[in-house]
Amino acid sequence: MLGRMLALTFLGTTIAGPASLAQVPTVQPAIPCHDYKEIARQLGNRYEEAPVSLGMQSNGNVLQVFASKDKESWTILSVSPEGTGCILAAGRRWEDMPIERDGPEA
């Protein structure tokens, strides 16, 4: 799809001439989104990842981190209240950070 969009942009600039170059739109990569339950199932089956943390975003979505038990792979999702999950990032070697607390320990 990106190749097709770039080809159409190139075709449009060659037909319209150099004056249209200032008006060429930028192409943003698409964020992969799908049904949350299906994404979670696929992450579990393919990468042995499970949810390890989550938090509420200011837009009402839930930000959720999946990681494998050996911490070799991880995926971050944004999940809408309607149940759509979008993959924001994925990578290798997840590390948990200790939570530092203010004040004396009990």
C-alpha atoms as a PDB file:
ATOM      1  CA  MET A   1       0.000   0.000   0.000  1.00  0.00           C
ATOM      2  CA  LEU A   2       2.820   2.411   0.835  1.00  0.00           C
ATOM      3  CA  GLY A   3       4.459   1.620  -2.507  1.00  0.00           C
ATOM      4  CA  ARG A   4       1.192   2.327  -4.282  1.00  0.00           C
ATOM      5  CA  MET A   5       0.782   5.652  -2.452  1.00  0.00           C
ATOM      6  CA  LEU A   6       4.332   6.673  -3.319  1.00  0.00           C
ATOM      7  CA  ALA A   7       3.798   5.709  -6.956  1.00  0.00           C
ATOM      8  CA  LEU A   8       0.590   7.756  -7.096  1.00  0.00           C
ATOM      9  CA  THR A   9       2.363  10.721  -5.487  1.00  0.00           C
ATOM     10  CA  PHE A  10       5.189  10.465  -8.038  1.00  0.00           C
ATOM     11  CA  LEU A  11       2.715  10.193 -10.897  1.00  0.00           C
ATOM     12  CA  GLY A  12       0.812  13.231  -9.641  1.00  0.00           C
ATOM     13  CA  THR A  13       3.950  15.356  -9.363  1.00  0.00           C
ATOM     14  CA  THR A  14       5.165  14.450 -12.840  1.00  0.00           C
ATOM     15  CA  ILE A  15       1.786  15.259 -14.402  1.00  0.00           C
ATOM     16  CA  ALA A  16       1.116  18.458 -12.453  1.00  0.00           C
ATOM     17  CA  GLY A  17       4.673  19.727 -12.697  1.00  0.00           C
ATOM     18  CA  PRO A  18       7.184  21.141 -10.199  1.00  0.00           C
ATOM     19  CA  ALA A  19       4.709  23.647  -8.718  1.00  0.00           C
ATOM     20  CA  SER A  20       2.853  20.789  -7.036  1.00  0.00           C
ATOM     21  CA  LEU A  21       5.952  19.600  -5.137  1.00  0.00           C
ATOM     22  CA  ALA A  22       5.211  21.991  -2.290  1.00  0.00           C
ATOM     23  CA  GLN A  23       1.822  20.309  -1.836  1.00  0.00           C
ATOM     24  CA  VAL A  24       2.949  16.658  -1.654  1.00  0.00           C
ATOM     25  CA  PRO A  25       1.377  15.090   1.453  1.00  0.00           C
ATOM     26  CA  THR A  26       3.582  13.214   3.888  1.00  0.00           C
ATOM     27  CA  VAL A  27       2.864   9.509   4.293  1.00  0.00           C
ATOM     28  CA  GLN A  28       2.461   8.302   7.872  1.00  0.00           C
ATOM     29  CA  PRO A  29       2.990   4.601   8.584  1.00  0.00           C
ATOM     30  CA  ALA A  30      -0.248   2.861   9.527  1.00  0.00           C
ATOM     31  CA  ILE A  31      -0.598   1.641  13.101  1.00  0.00           C
ATOM     32  CA  PRO A  32      -1.772  -1.993  13.045  1.00  0.00           C
ATOM     33  CA  CYS A  33      -5.132  -2.273  14.846  1.00  0.00           C
ATOM     34  CA  HIS A  34      -7.461  -5.247  15.285  1.00  0.00           C
ATOM     35  CA  ASP A  35      -9.792  -6.867  17.797  1.00  0.00           C
ATOM     36  CA  TYR A  36      -7.990  -6.865  21.173  1.00  0.00           C
ATOM     37  CA  LYS A  37      -8.921 -10.456  22.033  1.00  0.00           C
ATOM     38  CA  GLU A  38      -7.502 -11.690  18.727  1.00  0.00           C
ATOM     39  CA  ILE A  39      -4.259  -9.728  19.177  1.00  0.00           C
ATOM     40  CA  ALA A  40      -3.867 -11.074  22.728  1.00  0.00           C
ATOM     41  CA  ARG A  41      -4.498 -14.625  21.490  1.00  0.00           C
ATOM     42  CA  GLN A  42      -1.925 -14.258  18.699  1.00  0.00           C
ATOM     43  CA  LEU A  43       0.689 -12.756  21.047  1.00  0.00           C
ATOM     44  CA  GLY A  44       0.206 -15.706  23.390  1.00  0.00           C
ATOM     45  CA  ASN A  45       0.299 -18.356  20.671  1.00  0.00           C
ATOM     46  CA  ARG A  46       3.119 -16.972  18.525  1.00  0.00           C
ATOM     47  CA  TYR A  47       5.401 -15.297  21.071  1.00  0.00           C
ATOM     48  CA  GLU A  48       4.235 -16.743  24.412  1.00  0.00           C
ATOM     49  CA  GLU A  49       3.534 -13.191  25.584  1.00  0.00           C
ATOM     50  CA  ALA A  50       1.048 -12.328  28.328  1.00  0.00           C
ATOM     51  CA  PRO A  51       0.004  -9.019  29.938  1.00  0.00           C
ATOM     52  CA  VAL A  52       2.536  -7.801  32.526  1.00  0.00           C
ATOM     53  CA  SER A  53       1.385  -4.219  33.174  1.00  0.00           C
ATOM     54  CA  LEU A  54      -1.188  -1.645  32.189  1.00  0.00           C
ATOM     55  CA  GLY A  55      -2.235   1.944  32.749  1.00  0.00           C
ATOM     56  CA  MET A  56      -4.966   4.369  31.742  1.00  0.00           C
ATOM     57  CA  GLN A  57      -4.223   6.864  28.983  1.00  0.00           C
ATOM     58  CA  SER A  58      -5.629  10.402  29.032  1.00  0.00           C
ATOM     59  CA  ASN A  59      -7.824   9.564  26.009  1.00  0.00           C
ATOM     60  CA  GLY A  60      -9.628   6.758  27.884  1.00  0.00           C
ATOM     61  CA  ASN A  61      -7.677   3.917  26.277  1.00  0.00           C
ATOM     62  CA  VAL A  62      -5.714   1.345  28.249  1.00  0.00           C
ATOM     63  CA  LEU A  63      -1.972   1.099  27.559  1.00  0.00           C
ATOM     64  CA  GLN A  64      -0.973  -2.533  28.036  1.00  0.00           C
ATOM     65  CA  VAL A  65       2.413  -4.228  27.971  1.00  0.00           C
ATOM     66  CA  PHE A  66       2.720  -7.888  26.991  1.00  0.00           C
ATOM     67  CA  ALA A  67       5.995  -9.771  27.556  1.00  0.00           C
ATOM     68  CA  SER A  68       7.205 -13.341  27.325  1.00  0.00           C
ATOM     69  CA  LYS A  69       8.174 -15.168  30.531  1.00  0.00           C
ATOM     70  CA  ASP A  70      11.839 -15.110  29.547  1.00  0.00           C
ATOM     71  CA  LYS A  71      11.508 -11.357  28.758  1.00  0.00           C
ATOM     72  CA  GLU A  72      12.955 -11.931  25.276  1.00  0.00           C
ATOM     73  CA  SER A  73       9.999 -10.345  23.484  1.00  0.00           C
ATOM     74  CA  TRP A  74       7.468  -7.640  24.332  1.00  0.00           C
ATOM     75  CA  THR A  75       4.592  -5.721  22.713  1.00  0.00           C
ATOM     76  CA  ILE A  76       2.839  -2.502  23.766  1.00  0.00           C
ATOM     77  CA  LEU A  77      -0.836  -2.040  22.876  1.00  0.00           C
ATOM     78  CA  SER A  78      -3.304   0.811  23.166  1.00  0.00           C
ATOM     79  CA  VAL A  79      -6.789  -0.649  23.710  1.00  0.00           C
ATOM     80  CA  SER A  80      -9.941   1.403  23.132  1.00  0.00           C
ATOM     81  CA  PRO A  81     -13.077   1.049  25.291  1.00  0.00           C
ATOM     82  CA  GLU A  82     -14.732  -0.526  22.231  1.00  0.00           C
ATOM     83  CA  GLY A  83     -12.195  -3.387  22.250  1.00  0.00           C
ATOM     84  CA  THR A  84      -9.875  -2.370  19.420  1.00  0.00           C
ATOM     85  CA  GLY A  85      -6.192  -2.937  20.144  1.00  0.00           C
ATOM     86  CA  CYS A  86      -3.437  -1.060  18.312  1.00  0.00           C
ATOM     87  CA  ILE A  87       0.186  -2.206  18.393  1.00  0.00           C
ATOM     88  CA  LEU A  88       2.320   0.819  19.285  1.00  0.00           C
ATOM     89  CA  ALA A  89       5.690  -0.879  19.715  1.00  0.00           C
ATOM     90  CA  ALA A  90       7.350  -4.283  19.935  1.00  0.00           C
ATOM     91  CA  GLY A  91      10.847  -5.423  20.671  1.00  0.00           C
ATOM     92  CA  ARG A  92      13.251  -7.651  22.548  1.00  0.00           C
ATOM     93  CA  ARG A  93      14.716  -7.889  26.050  1.00  0.00           C
ATOM     94  CA  TRP A  94      12.005  -6.409  28.264  1.00  0.00           C
ATOM     95  CA  GLU A  95      13.223  -5.318  31.712  1.00  0.00           C
ATOM     96  CA  ASP A  96      11.115  -4.557  34.772  1.00  0.00           C
ATOM     97  CA  MET A  97      12.241  -1.487  36.678  1.00  0.00           C
ATOM     98  CA  PRO A  98      11.862  -1.261  40.458  1.00  0.00           C
ATOM     99  CA  ILE A  99       9.390   1.363  41.649  1.00  0.00           C
ATOM    100  CA  GLU A 100      11.180   3.943  43.781  1.00  0.00           C
ATOM    101  CA  ARG A 101       9.094   5.230  46.659  1.00  0.00           C
ATOM    102  CA  ASP A 102       9.511   8.549  48.432  1.00  0.00           C
ATOM    103  CA  GLY A 103       9.976   8.537  52.183  1.00  0.00           C
ATOM    104  CA  PRO A 104      11.111   5.878  54.669  1.00  0.00           C
ATOM    105  CA  GLU A 105      10.356   2.219  54.121  1.00  0.00           C
ATOM    106  CA  ALA A 106       7.920   0.565  56.525  1.00  0.00           C
END
